[in-house]
């Protein structure tokens, strides 16, 4: 069966349409060029792994042979930007192979330039951390947190400059944009007074070195815990129950902050109550024994450096109180508890060794008359039926009972 002539004509027309589509698929270029560009881009991405493996590896081996470690940190910081550089090259080659024309060609060129600027500024920002190590002496003048703030601010400034450079490539004027943002910035500044107040307070906290990251601080009525980060607006403090509290810097700047991490020694203050029947000789033996233990134990600070007292302090309601006031060399809470526990054991041994004991709150009750010790109550006899009662005898009996009761209460 022969096909109609019209069918062959349609096949020819369809083939011509396919060839036309292949010649101009999209962006004014042919399908073949697009396919070649995609393949080249994929091959360059594969070569990127080889570049990272051999070239960056060679750089790392090269800098290991130097005396300083700054170049090691620099190569390590530049590793990611260097890995991204072949991607920019692949994009440039692929867009050139497209053989774009007109607007598409200009857009591809601007994209390539933007990627180059982005990679360059990425590398410069990455070098901030290792290059700052050169100015390590500033860490002795500025706190570590202040150094981190400076590094962050420098990175933000470089990032903004890089963004401005990319915008300039696309023909966007930065000057009018900044002027326009200035009007919004003025209105925003009025609405963000608390933000600037907290920012300034954070700078004052770092400048005065009130506390550092890792310090144990306490602000009455606000928070107590360990400082984790000091941010631009607030400070993150982790409480001892592991909860996190974000405290505005203005609060920490305005209120008294107790920094327990700055303690040179840690105090132990005890009141020991012994029995009232403890003799003066026993009291002296107890006091001297406790003092000898404190002075002879290396865990306690030297009395020349801190106040150290073991004294008979007061005569309390139910005990004779001995005051123990001393300081440990360690400021670590766990070690301090261990020293305090050892002292408690020793005090127990000293008090019992002196033949005394520990007093506890008690109350003495003195009874002047026990129940049943008073005179018996006299009950007058009842009159016989029909016999009138002798009023005088009843009265005298009542009087004698009353006198007897008064006499009994008075004798007690």
Protein backbone atom coordinates (compact mmCIF):
# COMPACT_ATOMS: atom_id res chain seq x y z
CA UNK A 1 0.00 0.00 0.00
CA UNK A 2 1.53 3.24 -1.12
CA UNK A 3 1.47 6.22 1.23
CA UNK A 4 -0.26 9.34 -0.03
CA UNK A 5 1.89 12.11 -1.41
CA UNK A 6 0.53 14.50 1.20
CA UNK A 7 1.88 12.28 4.02
CA UNK A 8 5.42 12.44 2.60
CA UNK A 9 5.11 16.18 2.35
CA UNK A 10 4.13 16.37 6.03
CA UNK A 11 7.16 14.27 7.02
CA UNK A 12 9.46 16.58 5.11
CA UNK A 13 7.89 19.63 6.72
CA UNK A 14 8.22 18.07 10.19
CA UNK A 15 11.91 17.27 9.60
CA UNK A 16 12.52 20.81 8.46
CA UNK A 17 10.84 22.04 11.65
CA UNK A 18 13.06 19.75 13.79
CA UNK A 19 16.19 21.07 12.09
CA UNK A 20 15.01 24.61 12.63
CA UNK A 21 14.41 23.91 16.32
CA UNK A 22 17.87 22.33 16.63
CA UNK A 23 19.45 25.39 15.06
CA UNK A 24 17.68 27.82 17.42
CA UNK A 25 16.54 26.00 20.55
CA UNK A 26 16.72 28.85 23.07
CA UNK A 27 18.60 32.04 23.85
CA UNK A 28 19.42 32.43 20.15
CA UNK A 29 21.67 29.35 20.01
CA UNK A 30 21.46 25.80 18.70
CA UNK A 31 20.66 22.57 20.51
CA UNK A 32 24.09 21.22 19.69
CA UNK A 33 25.85 24.14 21.36
CA UNK A 34 23.62 23.80 24.43
CA UNK A 35 24.43 20.10 24.65
CA UNK A 36 28.16 20.74 24.27
CA UNK A 37 28.07 23.52 26.88
CA UNK A 38 26.29 21.29 29.38
CA UNK A 39 28.79 18.48 28.84
CA UNK A 40 31.76 20.84 29.23
CA UNK A 41 30.24 22.30 32.40
CA UNK A 42 29.79 18.80 33.83
CA UNK A 43 33.39 17.83 32.91
CA UNK A 44 34.76 20.96 34.59
CA UNK A 45 32.77 20.17 37.72
CA UNK A 46 34.39 16.73 37.76
CA UNK A 47 37.79 18.37 37.27
CA UNK A 48 36.98 20.58 40.24
CA UNK A 49 37.35 17.58 42.53
CA UNK A 50 40.76 16.77 41.03
CA UNK A 51 41.80 20.40 41.40
CA UNK A 52 40.77 20.44 45.05
CA UNK A 53 42.53 17.15 45.69
CA UNK A 54 45.86 17.88 44.03
CA UNK A 55 46.32 21.67 43.97
CA UNK A 56 44.95 22.41 47.46
CA UNK A 57 46.74 19.35 48.80
CA UNK A 58 49.97 20.61 47.27
CA UNK A 59 49.46 24.01 48.91
CA UNK A 60 48.92 22.38 52.32
CA UNK A 61 52.11 20.33 51.99
CA UNK A 62 53.98 23.45 50.94
CA UNK A 63 52.95 25.55 53.94
CA UNK A 64 53.65 22.74 56.40
CA UNK A 65 57.35 23.18 55.71
CA UNK A 66 57.38 26.79 56.95
CA UNK A 67 58.12 27.83 60.52
CA UNK A 68 55.04 29.96 61.03
CA UNK A 69 51.52 28.57 61.24
CA UNK A 70 49.80 31.65 59.82
CA UNK A 71 50.12 30.36 56.25
CA UNK A 72 48.61 27.02 57.35
CA UNK A 73 45.58 28.84 58.72
CA UNK A 74 45.34 30.95 55.53
CA UNK A 75 45.32 27.93 53.21
CA UNK A 76 42.75 26.21 55.41
CA UNK A 77 40.55 29.33 55.34
CA UNK A 78 40.86 29.65 51.53
CA UNK A 79 40.00 26.02 50.86
CA UNK A 80 36.27 26.59 50.22
CA UNK A 81 36.71 29.68 47.97
CA UNK A 82 39.38 27.80 46.00
CA UNK A 83 37.01 24.85 45.57
CA UNK A 84 34.38 27.25 44.20
CA UNK A 85 36.75 28.88 41.65
CA UNK A 86 36.49 25.99 39.11
CA UNK A 87 32.69 26.38 39.22
CA UNK A 88 33.06 30.00 38.08
CA UNK A 89 35.41 28.90 35.30
CA UNK A 90 32.98 26.19 34.21
CA UNK A 91 30.12 28.70 34.09
CA UNK A 92 32.19 31.12 31.99
CA UNK A 93 33.24 28.43 29.49
CA UNK A 94 29.69 27.08 29.22
CA UNK A 95 28.20 30.51 28.51
CA UNK A 96 30.90 31.18 25.87
CA UNK A 97 30.10 27.90 24.16
CA UNK A 98 26.44 28.89 24.03
CA UNK A 99 27.51 31.64 21.61
CA UNK A 100 24.84 33.93 23.02
CA UNK A 101 24.05 37.24 21.41
CA UNK A 102 22.50 40.51 22.47
CA UNK A 103 20.89 40.76 25.88
CA UNK A 104 21.53 37.14 26.82
CA UNK A 105 25.24 37.56 26.19
CA UNK A 106 25.40 40.65 28.39
CA UNK A 107 23.49 38.91 31.21
CA UNK A 108 25.81 35.89 31.06
CA UNK A 109 28.85 38.19 31.19
CA UNK A 110 27.48 40.09 34.19
CA UNK A 111 26.73 36.83 35.97
CA UNK A 112 30.29 35.66 35.41
CA UNK A 113 31.70 38.94 36.69
CA UNK A 114 29.41 38.78 39.73
CA UNK A 115 30.61 35.26 40.52
CA UNK A 116 34.22 36.39 40.25
CA UNK A 117 33.64 39.33 42.63
CA UNK A 118 31.73 37.06 45.02
CA UNK A 119 34.58 34.52 45.07
CA UNK A 120 37.23 37.20 45.63
CA UNK A 121 35.39 38.80 48.54
CA UNK A 122 34.61 35.36 49.97
CA UNK A 123 38.32 34.67 50.05
CA UNK A 124 39.13 38.04 51.64
CA UNK A 125 36.48 37.55 54.34
CA UNK A 126 37.78 34.04 54.99
CA UNK A 127 41.29 35.46 55.52
CA UNK A 128 40.12 37.76 58.34
CA UNK A 129 40.29 35.05 61.00
CA UNK A 130 43.83 33.78 60.26
CA UNK A 131 45.25 37.26 59.63
CA UNK A 132 43.86 38.44 62.97
CA UNK A 133 46.21 35.97 64.63
CA UNK A 134 49.04 38.30 63.66
CA UNK A 135 47.60 40.83 66.11
CA UNK A 136 47.49 38.31 68.94
CA UNK A 137 48.96 40.89 71.32
CA UNK A 138 45.70 42.81 71.14
CA UNK A 139 44.03 39.92 72.95
CA UNK A 140 45.95 40.96 76.05
CA UNK A 141 44.49 44.48 75.79
CA UNK A 142 41.01 43.62 74.55
CA UNK A 143 38.82 40.84 75.88
CA UNK A 144 38.30 37.76 73.67
CA UNK A 145 34.66 38.74 73.17
CA UNK A 146 35.68 42.23 72.02
CA UNK A 147 38.06 40.65 69.52
CA UNK A 148 35.20 38.49 68.22
CA UNK A 149 33.04 41.60 67.87
CA UNK A 150 35.76 43.36 65.84
CA UNK A 151 36.17 40.34 63.58
CA UNK A 152 32.40 40.12 63.00
CA UNK A 153 32.18 43.85 62.27
CA UNK A 154 35.08 43.63 59.80
CA UNK A 155 33.44 40.71 58.01
CA UNK A 156 30.14 42.59 57.79
CA UNK A 157 31.89 45.67 56.33
CA UNK A 158 33.73 43.58 53.72
CA UNK A 159 30.49 41.79 52.86
CA UNK A 160 28.69 45.09 52.33
CA UNK A 161 31.53 46.35 50.11
CA UNK A 162 31.35 43.16 48.06
CA UNK A 163 27.56 43.50 47.69
CA UNK A 164 28.00 47.12 46.59
CA UNK A 165 30.59 46.07 43.98
CA UNK A 166 28.20 43.47 42.55
CA UNK A 167 25.37 46.01 42.41
CA UNK A 168 27.65 48.43 40.56
CA UNK A 169 28.32 45.73 37.95
CA UNK A 170 24.59 45.57 37.25
CA UNK A 171 24.39 49.36 36.89
CA UNK A 172 22.68 50.04 40.21
CA UNK A 173 23.85 53.34 41.73
CA UNK A 174 24.87 52.92 45.36
CA UNK A 175 24.83 56.63 46.32
CA UNK A 176 21.09 57.27 45.81
CA UNK A 177 20.33 53.91 47.37
CA UNK A 178 22.29 54.82 50.51
CA UNK A 179 20.61 58.24 50.63
CA UNK A 180 17.21 56.62 50.40
CA UNK A 181 18.08 54.14 53.10
CA UNK A 182 19.28 57.02 55.28
CA UNK A 183 15.74 58.40 55.52
CA UNK A 184 14.44 55.03 56.61
CA UNK A 185 17.45 54.70 58.91
CA UNK A 186 16.54 57.91 60.73
CA UNK A 187 13.03 56.68 61.38
CA UNK A 188 14.37 53.27 62.32
CA UNK A 189 16.87 54.79 64.75
CA UNK A 190 14.06 56.48 66.66
CA UNK A 191 12.21 53.18 66.89
CA UNK A 192 15.34 51.22 67.82
CA UNK A 193 16.59 53.21 70.78
CA UNK A 194 16.63 50.13 72.97
CA UNK A 195 18.71 48.30 70.37
CA UNK A 196 21.39 51.01 70.35
CA UNK A 197 21.26 51.25 74.13
CA UNK A 198 21.91 47.53 74.45
CA UNK A 199 24.65 47.71 71.82
CA UNK A 200 26.42 50.52 73.67
CA UNK A 201 25.96 48.68 76.96
CA UNK A 202 27.55 45.60 75.41
CA UNK A 203 30.57 47.66 74.37
CA UNK A 204 30.86 49.07 77.91
CA UNK A 205 30.63 45.57 79.41
CA UNK A 206 33.42 44.34 77.18
CA UNK A 207 35.50 47.47 77.68
CA UNK A 208 35.23 47.32 81.47
CA UNK A 209 35.74 43.53 81.41
CA UNK A 210 32.90 42.96 83.88
CA UNK A 211 32.72 39.34 82.89
CA UNK A 212 33.86 37.04 80.12
CA UNK A 213 32.54 34.01 78.34
CA UNK A 214 32.44 31.07 80.76
CA UNK A 215 32.22 33.21 83.93
CA UNK A 216 29.75 32.44 86.70
CA UNK A 217 27.75 35.61 87.40
CA UNK A 218 24.77 36.61 89.50
CA UNK A 219 22.44 39.59 89.10
CA UNK A 220 19.94 39.88 91.95
CA UNK A 221 16.41 39.39 90.73
CA UNK A 222 17.54 38.72 87.15
CA UNK A 223 19.71 35.66 86.61
CA UNK A 224 22.48 33.47 87.99
CA UNK A 225 24.51 31.11 85.85
CA UNK A 226 27.36 30.75 83.36
CA UNK A 227 27.91 33.26 80.56
CA UNK A 228 27.85 31.49 77.18
CA UNK A 229 27.87 34.33 74.65
CA UNK A 230 27.95 38.13 74.79
CA UNK A 231 26.03 39.37 71.76
CA UNK A 232 25.45 42.80 70.27
CA UNK A 233 22.07 43.15 71.96
CA UNK A 234 21.92 40.58 74.74
CA UNK A 235 24.01 38.15 76.74
CA UNK A 236 23.11 34.46 76.88
CA UNK A 237 23.41 33.00 80.40
CA UNK A 238 22.85 29.32 81.11
CA UNK A 239 21.36 28.78 84.58
CA UNK A 240 22.37 25.85 86.78
CA UNK A 241 19.12 24.10 85.84
CA UNK A 242 20.48 24.21 82.24
CA UNK A 243 17.84 26.70 81.11
CA UNK A 244 19.05 29.54 78.86
CA UNK A 245 18.25 33.17 79.68
CA UNK A 246 18.79 36.03 77.24
CA UNK A 247 19.54 39.12 79.34
CA UNK A 248 19.57 42.57 77.64
CA UNK A 249 23.00 44.17 77.88
CA UNK A 250 21.46 47.35 79.28
CA UNK A 251 20.23 45.37 82.31
CA UNK A 252 23.71 43.98 82.96
CA UNK A 253 25.23 47.43 82.57
CA UNK A 254 22.82 49.18 84.95
CA UNK A 255 22.68 46.59 87.77
CA UNK A 256 25.31 45.24 90.11
CA UNK A 257 26.85 42.06 88.72
CA UNK A 258 28.54 39.57 91.05
CA UNK A 259 31.27 37.68 89.20
CA UNK A 260 32.02 34.57 91.22
CA UNK A 261 34.65 33.45 88.71
CA UNK A 262 36.87 36.35 89.83
CA UNK A 263 37.05 34.99 93.40
CA UNK A 264 40.61 34.49 94.62
CA UNK A 265 39.44 32.14 97.39
CA UNK A 266 36.15 30.63 98.50
CA UNK A 267 34.69 31.13 101.96
CA UNK A 268 33.50 28.62 104.53
CA UNK A 269 31.38 30.08 107.34
CA UNK A 270 30.00 27.76 110.03
CA UNK A 271 28.28 28.16 113.39
CA UNK A 272 28.83 25.10 115.62
CA UNK A 273 26.59 24.76 118.70
CA UNK A 274 27.88 22.57 121.58
CA UNK A 275 26.12 21.55 124.79
CA UNK A 276 25.84 23.98 127.69
CA UNK A 277 27.45 21.52 130.07
CA UNK A 278 30.68 21.72 128.07
CA UNK A 279 33.46 22.96 130.35
CA UNK A 280 35.82 25.80 129.55
CA UNK A 281 38.68 23.31 129.11
CA UNK A 282 36.61 21.31 126.63
CA UNK A 283 35.67 24.46 124.72
CA UNK A 284 39.31 25.44 124.49
CA UNK A 285 40.26 21.96 123.27
CA UNK A 286 37.55 22.04 120.59
CA UNK A 287 38.52 25.51 119.39
CA UNK A 288 42.25 24.71 119.27
CA UNK A 289 41.60 21.41 117.48
CA UNK A 290 39.54 23.03 114.71
CA UNK A 291 42.06 25.84 114.29
CA UNK A 292 44.97 23.37 114.11
CA UNK A 293 43.19 21.40 111.39
CA UNK A 294 42.57 24.52 109.28
CA UNK A 295 46.13 25.82 109.67
CA UNK A 296 47.65 22.44 108.92
CA UNK A 297 45.61 21.58 105.81
CA UNK A 298 46.98 22.82 102.46
CA UNK A 299 43.43 23.03 101.11
CA UNK A 300 42.82 26.16 103.19
CA UNK A 301 44.24 29.58 102.34
CA UNK A 302 47.04 31.11 104.40
CA UNK A 303 45.73 33.39 107.20
CA UNK A 304 48.22 36.01 105.97
CA UNK A 305 46.23 36.30 102.75
CA UNK A 306 42.67 36.01 104.06
CA UNK A 307 40.79 36.37 107.32
CA UNK A 308 40.73 33.14 109.36
CA UNK A 309 38.88 32.87 112.68
CA UNK A 310 37.90 30.08 115.07
CA UNK A 311 36.32 31.71 118.13
CA UNK A 312 33.74 31.10 120.87
CA UNK A 313 31.12 33.37 119.43
CA UNK A 314 27.98 33.50 121.59
CA UNK A 315 25.79 31.89 124.24
CA UNK A 316 22.69 30.95 122.34
CA UNK A 317 19.31 29.86 123.74
CA UNK A 318 20.26 26.20 123.84
CA UNK A 319 23.94 26.05 122.83
CA UNK A 320 27.35 27.62 123.10
CA UNK A 321 28.22 28.71 119.55
CA UNK A 322 31.67 28.45 117.98
CA UNK A 323 32.28 30.46 114.81
CA UNK A 324 34.46 28.97 112.05
CA UNK A 325 35.44 31.47 109.36
CA UNK A 326 38.02 30.48 106.75
CA UNK A 327 38.74 30.32 103.00
CA UNK A 328 39.76 27.53 100.66
CA UNK A 329 42.44 27.86 98.00
CA UNK A 330 40.19 26.43 95.32
CA UNK A 331 37.22 28.33 93.91
CA UNK A 332 35.81 25.30 92.09
CA UNK A 333 32.43 24.45 93.58
CA UNK A 334 32.90 20.69 93.57
CA UNK A 335 36.38 20.87 95.14
CA UNK A 336 35.12 23.40 97.70
CA UNK A 337 32.33 21.04 98.72
CA UNK A 338 34.87 18.23 99.22
CA UNK A 339 37.05 20.43 101.47
CA UNK A 340 34.00 21.56 103.45
CA UNK A 341 32.88 17.95 103.90
CA UNK A 342 36.32 16.93 105.21
CA UNK A 343 36.21 19.82 107.67
CA UNK A 344 32.77 18.70 108.89
CA UNK A 345 34.08 15.18 109.54
CA UNK A 346 37.04 16.57 111.48
CA UNK A 347 34.86 18.89 113.58
CA UNK A 348 32.64 15.95 114.50
CA UNK A 349 35.69 13.96 115.64
CA UNK A 350 37.13 16.90 117.62
CA UNK A 351 33.88 17.64 119.48
CA UNK A 352 33.32 13.99 120.39
CA UNK A 353 37.00 13.56 121.31
CA UNK A 354 36.73 16.45 123.77
CA UNK A 355 33.90 14.68 125.58
CA UNK A 356 31.21 17.11 124.46
CA UNK A 357 28.35 16.93 122.00
CA UNK A 358 26.34 19.00 119.60
CA UNK A 359 23.39 20.95 120.95
CA UNK A 360 20.01 21.11 119.31
CA UNK A 361 17.10 23.48 119.93
CA UNK A 362 15.33 22.47 123.18
CA UNK A 363 12.99 23.98 125.84
CA UNK A 364 12.83 23.26 129.59
CA UNK A 365 9.45 23.20 131.36
CA UNK A 366 9.36 23.81 135.15
CA UNK A 367 6.19 22.60 137.02
CA UNK A 368 5.52 24.12 140.46
CA UNK A 369 2.59 21.84 141.42
CA UNK A 370 1.73 18.38 140.19
CA UNK A 371 -1.92 17.37 139.69
CA UNK A 372 -3.52 15.93 142.92
CA UNK A 373 -1.14 17.58 145.38
CA UNK A 374 -3.69 20.16 146.60
CA UNK A 375 -6.20 19.68 149.56
CA UNK A 376 -9.32 17.61 149.08
CA UNK A 377 -12.53 19.46 148.39
CA UNK A 378 -14.88 19.36 151.42
CA UNK A 379 -18.45 18.45 150.57
CA UNK A 380 -20.91 19.38 153.36
CA UNK A 381 -23.36 16.67 154.43
CA UNK A 382 -26.89 16.88 153.16
CA UNK A 383 -29.71 17.61 155.67
CA UNK A 384 -32.13 14.84 156.61
CA UNK A 385 -35.65 15.00 155.20
CA UNK A 386 -37.73 17.39 157.21
CA UNK A 387 -34.71 18.72 159.11
CA UNK A 388 -33.85 22.39 158.44
CA UNK A 389 -30.34 23.01 157.27
CA UNK A 390 -28.00 24.81 159.63
CA UNK A 391 -27.18 27.89 157.62
CA UNK A 392 -24.33 28.91 159.90
CA UNK A 393 -22.58 25.52 159.59
CA UNK A 394 -22.98 25.54 155.78
CA UNK A 395 -21.51 29.03 155.63
CA UNK A 396 -18.58 28.10 157.86
CA UNK A 397 -17.95 24.96 155.82
CA UNK A 398 -17.96 26.96 152.60
CA UNK A 399 -15.58 29.45 154.16
CA UNK A 400 -13.23 26.69 155.28
CA UNK A 401 -13.26 25.20 151.77
CA UNK A 402 -12.40 28.58 150.27
CA UNK A 403 -9.60 29.12 152.76
CA UNK A 404 -8.31 25.65 152.11
CA UNK A 405 -8.21 26.24 148.34
CA UNK A 406 -6.36 29.50 148.74
CA UNK A 407 -3.92 27.85 151.10
CA UNK A 408 -3.28 25.00 148.63
CA UNK A 409 -2.64 27.33 145.63
CA UNK A 410 -0.27 29.42 147.68
CA UNK A 411 1.86 26.46 148.84
CA UNK A 412 2.41 25.12 145.31
